[in-house]
Amino acid sequence: MRKYHLVSGDAHINEPPEMWQALPSKYAERAPRLEHFAEGDAWVFEGSPSPINFGNNINGGLPPEQCVPWKRWEDVPRAGYDPAARLESQNKDGVDAEVLYPTPRQSMAVWATAQRDPDFHLALLRSYNDWLAQYCGHSPDRLVGAAMIPTLGIDAAIKELHRALATPGLQTPLLAQWPSSGSTIQSGDDRFWAAMVEINRPVSIHISVSPGSNGDDDPNRTGLTARGELRHTVTPNNCLELINAGVFDRFPKLNVVFAECDSSWVPYVKEQLDNRFQRTSPTLRPKIKELPSYYFDHNIFTTYITDYYGVVNRHFIGVSQMMWSSDYPHMGADFPNSWKVIDTHFKDVPPEEKHSILAGNCVRVYRIGEPK
């Protein structure tokens, strides 16, 4: 079995034009397409109010003056869509494996088609999953794919879960909404949680389910509100809903990874949730078996990109619950100097704790390198 020293719990691909050319012929005229604009290239999705540019999704490792939202497709690094080139980029950065997510704004466009045209939504989503399975299947011990799950109800979610994860390259489902496709957890979701425990894989959520705007509708970043800087602010509510709904009491072996939300907020949230829980009348408390912090320590995982204070406060967060993230090739990446930053942040961290956060936790939870 491969030895892992640095594993990214959150990295991304760049969807190539040929991905959508695999759609059924009846959708050929509706397929997402790459168009040229004066500012740069962008994706045009049916129903999307504006073209979707991708500059900030390929700016990792570039100097700030080059980190602009509009780029040409020729600027996209081959590693974003060519698995052989991806392994070369991993080697260059000293990374042994990555959990791979889609481009956020493009994946939101795919999920948004669910209400307008469920069949088209499913075709788009399966086209993505099939392409990613092939991409990650090139080296499944180093490329770990997160399969998009349809937002068409629990039956469709479970069907695509089993179809997608039957491939070698896809190891985890990526939720945009709760499994029954609601904005709140429902009793029918238990079928999905049970399936996850049975296959012994984690549920992955990129920042949050049912995400709000968070500034992402401002592709040129001209507004005054936060964008990626405060991406963690929605995540605690999702965690609390899972806890208060009793999901982890019914499925104590269920693991949920919240990616790209960082980790420093966890101790404060644990303290506040426990404090309010204990101050609330027993007749009004959520019907859970443990204090809320217990579930953060046993079932909930977070990935961080740059979070020095998270490393310093790792014992309050839980050394076993943290995962490092490169975010490559997005603008948060330190590529190709990830180890330079890591060595500075982990200067006084014991080797076993350092290994857990940088590789061990991710390998264990995602079962990276194990045959299916």
Protein backbone atom coordinates (compact mmCIF):
# COMPACT_ATOMS: atom_id res chain seq x y z
CA MET A 1 0.00 0.00 0.00
CA ARG A 2 1.25 3.47 -0.89
CA LYS A 3 2.68 5.58 1.93
CA TYR A 4 0.94 8.93 2.28
CA HIS A 5 2.66 11.96 3.77
CA LEU A 6 0.52 14.81 2.38
CA VAL A 7 -3.08 14.39 1.24
CA SER A 8 -5.39 17.22 0.27
CA GLY A 9 -8.92 16.80 1.58
CA ASP A 10 -10.14 19.45 -0.84
CA ALA A 11 -8.83 20.15 -4.33
CA HIS A 12 -10.56 20.78 -7.65
CA ILE A 13 -10.69 19.84 -11.31
CA ASN A 14 -11.45 22.13 -14.24
CA GLU A 15 -14.30 20.80 -16.37
CA PRO A 16 -13.18 20.48 -20.02
CA PRO A 17 -15.47 21.13 -22.99
CA GLU A 18 -15.52 17.46 -24.01
CA MET A 19 -17.20 16.57 -20.71
CA TRP A 20 -20.49 18.00 -21.93
CA GLN A 21 -20.09 16.60 -25.45
CA ALA A 22 -20.86 13.20 -23.94
CA LEU A 23 -24.44 14.25 -23.18
CA PRO A 24 -27.23 12.36 -24.98
CA SER A 25 -27.76 13.71 -28.49
CA LYS A 26 -31.15 15.19 -27.61
CA TYR A 27 -29.36 17.65 -25.32
CA ALA A 28 -26.66 18.63 -27.84
CA GLU A 29 -28.03 22.13 -28.41
CA ARG A 30 -28.57 22.72 -24.69
CA ALA A 31 -25.19 21.49 -23.49
CA PRO A 32 -22.97 23.95 -21.56
CA ARG A 33 -20.56 25.62 -23.96
CA LEU A 34 -17.37 27.61 -23.70
CA GLU A 35 -17.67 31.03 -25.32
CA HIS A 36 -15.18 33.79 -26.04
CA PHE A 37 -15.81 37.25 -24.62
CA ALA A 38 -13.75 40.42 -24.74
CA GLU A 39 -12.65 39.92 -21.11
CA GLY A 40 -11.84 36.22 -21.51
CA ASP A 41 -13.53 32.85 -21.93
CA ALA A 42 -16.51 31.70 -19.89
CA TRP A 43 -19.04 28.93 -19.63
CA VAL A 44 -22.59 29.53 -20.75
CA PHE A 45 -25.11 27.35 -18.91
CA GLU A 46 -28.80 27.17 -19.71
CA GLY A 47 -30.66 29.18 -17.10
CA SER A 48 -27.54 30.87 -15.69
CA PRO A 49 -28.10 34.65 -15.52
CA SER A 50 -24.54 35.43 -16.60
CA PRO A 51 -21.52 33.68 -18.14
CA ILE A 52 -19.43 31.72 -15.66
CA ASN A 53 -15.79 32.70 -15.82
CA PHE A 54 -13.07 30.56 -14.27
CA GLY A 55 -10.01 32.71 -13.62
CA ASN A 56 -10.07 32.34 -9.84
CA ASN A 57 -10.37 28.58 -10.30
CA ILE A 58 -6.96 28.38 -11.98
CA ASN A 59 -5.03 31.10 -10.13
CA GLY A 60 -3.39 28.91 -7.51
CA GLY A 61 0.27 29.76 -7.04
CA LEU A 62 0.17 32.91 -9.16
CA PRO A 63 1.23 36.37 -7.89
CA PRO A 64 -1.71 38.60 -6.85
CA GLU A 65 -1.47 40.84 -9.90
CA GLN A 66 -2.24 37.81 -12.10
CA CYS A 67 -5.17 36.60 -9.98
CA VAL A 68 -7.98 38.00 -12.08
CA PRO A 69 -11.38 36.34 -12.69
CA TRP A 70 -11.27 36.42 -16.50
CA LYS A 71 -8.86 34.11 -18.32
CA ARG A 72 -8.69 32.16 -21.57
CA TRP A 73 -9.12 28.40 -21.71
CA GLU A 74 -5.50 28.10 -22.87
CA ASP A 75 -4.51 29.46 -19.43
CA VAL A 76 -6.06 26.47 -17.63
CA PRO A 77 -3.31 24.14 -16.37
CA ARG A 78 -3.49 20.69 -17.95
CA ALA A 79 -3.61 19.20 -14.45
CA GLY A 80 -7.16 20.51 -14.16
CA TYR A 81 -8.46 18.13 -16.81
CA ASP A 82 -5.64 15.69 -17.65
CA PRO A 83 -5.03 13.06 -14.93
CA ALA A 84 -1.46 12.31 -16.02
CA ALA A 85 -0.62 16.00 -15.75
CA ARG A 86 -2.38 16.04 -12.38
CA LEU A 87 0.00 13.44 -11.00
CA GLU A 88 2.91 15.55 -12.23
CA SER A 89 1.52 18.59 -10.41
CA GLN A 90 1.10 16.51 -7.25
CA ASN A 91 4.71 15.39 -7.47
CA LYS A 92 5.86 18.98 -8.00
CA ASP A 93 4.03 20.11 -4.84
CA GLY A 94 4.91 17.04 -2.79
CA VAL A 95 1.28 15.90 -2.57
CA ASP A 96 0.50 12.18 -2.48
CA ALA A 97 -3.27 12.25 -3.11
CA GLU A 98 -6.24 14.60 -3.38
CA VAL A 99 -10.00 14.50 -2.85
CA LEU A 100 -11.37 16.23 -5.93
CA TYR A 101 -14.39 18.52 -6.13
CA PRO A 102 -15.98 20.32 -9.11
CA THR A 103 -15.73 24.01 -9.90
CA PRO A 104 -18.27 25.54 -7.46
CA ARG A 105 -20.13 27.97 -9.71
CA GLN A 106 -20.41 25.42 -12.53
CA SER A 107 -21.66 22.71 -10.18
CA MET A 108 -24.24 25.16 -8.82
CA ALA A 109 -25.47 25.66 -12.38
CA VAL A 110 -25.84 21.90 -12.79
CA TRP A 111 -27.80 21.55 -9.55
CA ALA A 112 -29.95 24.57 -10.41
CA THR A 113 -31.42 22.76 -13.42
CA ALA A 114 -33.20 20.26 -11.15
CA GLN A 115 -36.40 22.26 -10.78
CA ARG A 116 -36.54 23.51 -14.37
CA ASP A 117 -35.81 20.19 -16.08
CA PRO A 118 -35.14 17.11 -13.90
CA ASP A 119 -34.07 14.91 -16.83
CA PHE A 120 -31.59 17.49 -18.12
CA HIS A 121 -30.27 17.96 -14.58
CA LEU A 122 -29.65 14.24 -14.25
CA ALA A 123 -27.99 14.04 -17.67
CA LEU A 124 -25.61 16.90 -16.80
CA LEU A 125 -24.78 15.42 -13.43
CA ARG A 126 -24.13 11.93 -14.77
CA SER A 127 -21.97 13.32 -17.54
CA TYR A 128 -19.85 15.01 -14.88
CA ASN A 129 -19.66 11.90 -12.69
CA ASP A 130 -18.74 9.65 -15.62
CA TRP A 131 -15.97 11.99 -16.72
CA LEU A 132 -14.61 12.34 -13.16
CA ALA A 133 -14.71 8.57 -12.66
CA GLN A 134 -12.54 8.14 -15.75
CA TYR A 135 -10.21 10.94 -14.65
CA CYS A 136 -9.73 9.53 -11.14
CA GLY A 137 -9.68 5.95 -12.42
CA HIS A 138 -6.31 6.80 -13.98
CA SER A 139 -4.82 6.53 -10.48
CA PRO A 140 -7.51 5.90 -7.82
CA ASP A 141 -4.93 5.65 -5.06
CA ARG A 142 -4.04 9.31 -5.69
CA LEU A 143 -7.16 10.82 -7.28
CA VAL A 144 -10.27 10.54 -5.10
CA GLY A 145 -13.44 11.75 -6.81
CA ALA A 146 -16.48 13.30 -5.13
CA ALA A 147 -19.59 12.36 -7.12
CA MET A 148 -22.32 14.96 -7.50
CA ILE A 149 -25.66 13.73 -6.12
CA PRO A 150 -28.92 14.80 -7.82
CA THR A 151 -31.37 17.02 -6.00
CA LEU A 152 -34.43 15.11 -7.20
CA GLY A 153 -35.50 13.28 -4.06
CA ILE A 154 -34.16 10.39 -2.03
CA ASP A 155 -34.72 7.66 -4.63
CA ALA A 156 -32.71 9.50 -7.29
CA ALA A 157 -30.00 10.34 -4.73
CA ILE A 158 -29.52 6.73 -3.66
CA LYS A 159 -29.63 5.43 -7.23
CA GLU A 160 -26.88 7.78 -8.38
CA LEU A 161 -24.90 7.14 -5.19
CA HIS A 162 -24.67 3.43 -5.97
CA ARG A 163 -24.13 3.94 -9.71
CA ALA A 164 -21.33 6.46 -9.27
CA LEU A 165 -19.49 4.86 -6.37
CA ALA A 166 -19.41 1.50 -8.15
CA THR A 167 -16.60 2.97 -10.27
CA PRO A 168 -12.98 2.80 -9.04
CA GLY A 169 -12.39 6.55 -9.16
CA LEU A 170 -15.35 7.88 -7.15
CA GLN A 171 -15.13 7.43 -3.39
CA THR A 172 -17.61 9.84 -1.79
CA PRO A 173 -20.90 11.63 -2.56
CA LEU A 174 -21.02 15.41 -2.72
CA LEU A 175 -24.26 16.88 -1.38
CA ALA A 176 -25.68 20.24 -2.46
CA GLN A 177 -28.85 19.69 -0.44
CA TRP A 178 -29.82 17.10 2.12
CA PRO A 179 -30.42 13.71 0.46
CA SER A 180 -34.20 14.07 0.15
CA SER A 181 -33.50 17.35 -1.69
CA GLY A 182 -34.83 19.57 1.03
CA SER A 183 -33.34 22.55 2.76
CA THR A 184 -33.84 20.71 6.08
CA ILE A 185 -33.10 17.14 7.13
CA GLN A 186 -36.04 14.78 6.65
CA SER A 187 -36.81 11.29 7.92
CA GLY A 188 -36.32 9.88 4.43
CA ASP A 189 -32.69 10.92 4.56
CA ASP A 190 -32.01 8.00 6.88
CA ARG A 191 -31.95 5.70 3.86
CA PHE A 192 -29.01 7.66 2.49
CA TRP A 193 -27.14 7.75 5.81
CA ALA A 194 -27.66 4.00 6.16
CA ALA A 195 -26.24 3.42 2.69
CA MET A 196 -23.16 5.45 3.56
CA VAL A 197 -22.52 3.43 6.71
CA GLU A 198 -22.94 0.23 4.73
CA ILE A 199 -20.33 1.18 2.14
CA ASN A 200 -18.11 2.72 4.84
CA ARG A 201 -17.42 5.98 3.05
CA PRO A 202 -17.87 9.57 4.28
CA VAL A 203 -20.44 12.08 3.11
CA SER A 204 -18.72 15.15 1.66
CA ILE A 205 -20.13 18.67 1.76
CA HIS A 206 -18.24 21.53 0.15
CA ILE A 207 -18.64 24.33 2.72
CA SER A 208 -22.41 23.87 3.20
CA VAL A 209 -25.63 22.46 1.78
CA SER A 210 -28.17 24.77 0.16
CA PRO A 211 -25.54 27.52 -0.01
CA GLY A 212 -26.52 31.14 -0.07
CA SER A 213 -24.98 33.84 -2.23
CA ASN A 214 -21.85 34.49 -0.14
CA GLY A 215 -20.77 36.93 -2.82
CA ASP A 216 -20.33 34.25 -5.49
CA ASP A 217 -22.83 36.01 -7.74
CA ASP A 218 -20.28 38.80 -8.06
CA PRO A 219 -17.72 37.15 -10.39
CA ASN A 220 -15.73 40.36 -10.82
CA ARG A 221 -15.60 40.91 -7.09
CA THR A 222 -16.73 44.51 -7.18
CA GLY A 223 -19.03 44.25 -4.16
CA LEU A 224 -18.21 45.04 -0.55
CA THR A 225 -19.28 41.75 1.04
CA ALA A 226 -17.05 38.79 1.84
CA ARG A 227 -16.57 36.03 -0.65
CA GLY A 228 -14.13 33.25 0.22
CA GLU A 229 -12.82 34.99 3.34
CA LEU A 230 -15.80 34.05 5.51
CA ARG A 231 -16.79 30.83 3.78
CA HIS A 232 -17.13 29.01 7.09
CA THR A 233 -20.05 31.05 8.41
CA VAL A 234 -22.83 28.76 7.09
CA THR A 235 -21.18 25.47 8.05
CA PRO A 236 -21.94 25.52 11.80
CA ASN A 237 -25.68 25.60 11.10
CA ASN A 238 -25.40 22.50 8.92
CA CYS A 239 -23.43 20.75 11.66
CA LEU A 240 -26.01 21.67 14.28
CA GLU A 241 -28.87 20.42 12.13
CA LEU A 242 -27.20 17.04 11.69
CA ILE A 243 -26.62 16.85 15.44
CA ASN A 244 -30.06 18.02 16.57
CA ALA A 245 -31.82 15.78 14.05
CA GLY A 246 -30.23 12.82 15.83
CA VAL A 247 -28.50 11.62 12.66
CA PHE A 248 -25.34 10.61 14.49
CA ASP A 249 -27.25 8.88 17.28
CA ARG A 250 -29.03 6.71 14.72
CA PHE A 251 -25.85 6.25 12.66
CA PRO A 252 -22.89 6.53 15.05
CA LYS A 253 -20.46 5.32 12.38
CA LEU A 254 -21.46 8.00 9.88
CA ASN A 255 -18.69 10.46 8.96
CA VAL A 256 -19.41 13.85 7.40
CA VAL A 257 -16.58 15.97 5.98
CA PHE A 258 -17.13 19.69 5.56
CA ALA A 259 -14.54 20.80 3.01
CA GLU A 260 -13.02 24.25 2.55
CA CYS A 261 -14.63 25.70 5.68
CA ASP A 262 -11.41 25.78 7.76
CA SER A 263 -11.21 24.67 11.39
CA SER A 264 -10.53 27.54 13.82
CA TRP A 265 -14.24 28.16 14.41
CA VAL A 266 -14.86 24.67 15.78
CA PRO A 267 -13.81 25.19 19.45
CA TYR A 268 -15.96 28.29 19.83
CA VAL A 269 -18.99 26.58 18.28
CA LYS A 270 -18.53 23.49 20.45
CA GLU A 271 -18.36 25.64 23.57
CA GLN A 272 -21.43 27.68 22.67
CA LEU A 273 -23.55 24.71 21.64
CA ASP A 274 -22.75 22.79 24.83
CA ASN A 275 -23.33 25.84 26.99
CA ARG A 276 -26.76 26.60 25.52
CA PHE A 277 -27.74 22.95 25.53
CA GLN A 278 -27.02 22.66 29.26
CA ARG A 279 -28.85 25.91 30.04
CA THR A 280 -31.98 24.79 28.23
CA SER A 281 -34.78 22.97 30.05
CA PRO A 282 -34.47 19.19 29.56
CA THR A 283 -38.01 19.19 28.18
CA LEU A 284 -36.99 21.61 25.42
CA ARG A 285 -33.57 20.25 24.48
CA PRO A 286 -33.01 18.38 21.23
CA LYS A 287 -33.43 14.65 21.86
CA ILE A 288 -29.77 13.70 21.48
CA LYS A 289 -27.72 11.29 23.57
CA GLU A 290 -24.58 13.38 24.04
CA LEU A 291 -23.50 16.99 24.29
CA PRO A 292 -23.20 18.61 20.85
CA SER A 293 -19.41 18.77 21.10
CA TYR A 294 -19.29 14.97 21.23
CA TYR A 295 -20.38 14.70 17.61
CA PHE A 296 -17.74 17.19 16.48
CA ASP A 297 -15.19 14.92 18.14
CA HIS A 298 -16.50 11.70 16.58
CA ASN A 299 -18.46 12.29 13.37
CA ILE A 300 -17.69 15.72 11.89
CA PHE A 301 -14.48 16.56 10.03
CA THR A 302 -13.26 19.85 8.59
CA THR A 303 -10.65 20.68 5.98
CA TYR A 304 -8.63 23.88 6.08
CA ILE A 305 -6.57 25.71 3.47
CA THR A 306 -4.64 28.31 5.47
CA ASP A 307 -5.52 28.18 9.16
CA TYR A 308 -2.50 28.71 11.39
CA TYR A 309 -4.72 29.24 14.42
CA GLY A 310 -6.40 25.94 13.67
CA VAL A 311 -3.05 24.19 13.88
CA VAL A 312 -2.22 26.01 17.14
CA ASN A 313 -5.61 25.07 18.65
CA ARG A 314 -5.71 21.56 17.18
CA HIS A 315 -6.36 19.90 20.55
CA PHE A 316 -9.50 22.00 21.06
CA ILE A 317 -10.63 21.19 17.52
CA GLY A 318 -9.64 17.55 17.62
CA VAL A 319 -6.43 16.34 16.00
CA SER A 320 -8.33 13.37 14.59
CA GLN A 321 -10.95 15.62 12.93
CA MET A 322 -8.77 18.00 10.87
CA MET A 323 -7.62 17.58 7.27
CA TRP A 324 -5.23 19.75 5.28
CA SER A 325 -6.42 21.15 1.96
CA SER A 326 -4.46 22.52 -0.98
CA ASP A 327 -7.49 23.97 -2.83
CA TYR A 328 -5.40 23.52 -5.99
CA PRO A 329 -5.74 24.95 -8.61
CA HIS A 330 -7.95 27.62 -7.02
CA MET A 331 -6.54 30.93 -5.83
CA GLY A 332 -6.24 29.71 -2.22
CA ALA A 333 -3.50 27.24 -3.20
CA ASP A 334 0.14 27.69 -2.21
CA PHE A 335 1.22 25.50 -5.14
CA PRO A 336 4.01 24.61 -5.68
CA ASN A 337 5.18 25.69 -2.22
CA SER A 338 2.71 23.91 0.03
CA TRP A 339 5.40 22.26 2.12
CA LYS A 340 7.10 25.60 2.76
CA VAL A 341 3.94 26.92 4.41
CA ILE A 342 3.26 23.64 6.20
CA ASP A 343 6.76 23.49 7.70
CA THR A 344 6.29 27.00 9.11
CA HIS A 345 2.87 26.25 10.63
CA PHE A 346 3.83 22.81 12.01
CA LYS A 347 7.24 23.80 13.40
CA ASP A 348 6.37 22.76 16.97
CA VAL A 349 3.80 20.02 16.23
CA PRO A 350 4.73 16.43 17.24
CA PRO A 351 5.29 14.13 14.22
CA GLU A 352 2.31 11.86 14.91
CA GLU A 353 -0.09 14.79 15.17
CA LYS A 354 1.39 16.39 12.08
CA HIS A 355 0.92 13.18 10.11
CA SER A 356 -2.71 12.81 11.23
CA ILE A 357 -3.68 16.28 10.03
CA LEU A 358 -1.64 16.24 6.84
CA ALA A 359 -2.48 12.74 5.64
CA GLY A 360 -3.57 10.12 8.17
CA ASN A 361 -7.09 11.38 8.86
CA CYS A 362 -7.94 11.78 5.19
CA VAL A 363 -6.54 8.37 4.27
CA ARG A 364 -8.44 6.72 7.12
CA VAL A 365 -11.81 8.37 6.56
CA TYR A 366 -11.82 8.14 2.75
CA ARG A 367 -10.05 4.75 2.81
CA ILE A 368 -7.62 6.03 0.21
CA GLY A 369 -5.55 3.33 -1.41
CA GLU A 370 -7.85 0.51 -0.32
CA PRO A 371 -9.44 -1.67 -3.00
CA LYS A 372 -13.23 -1.39 -3.25
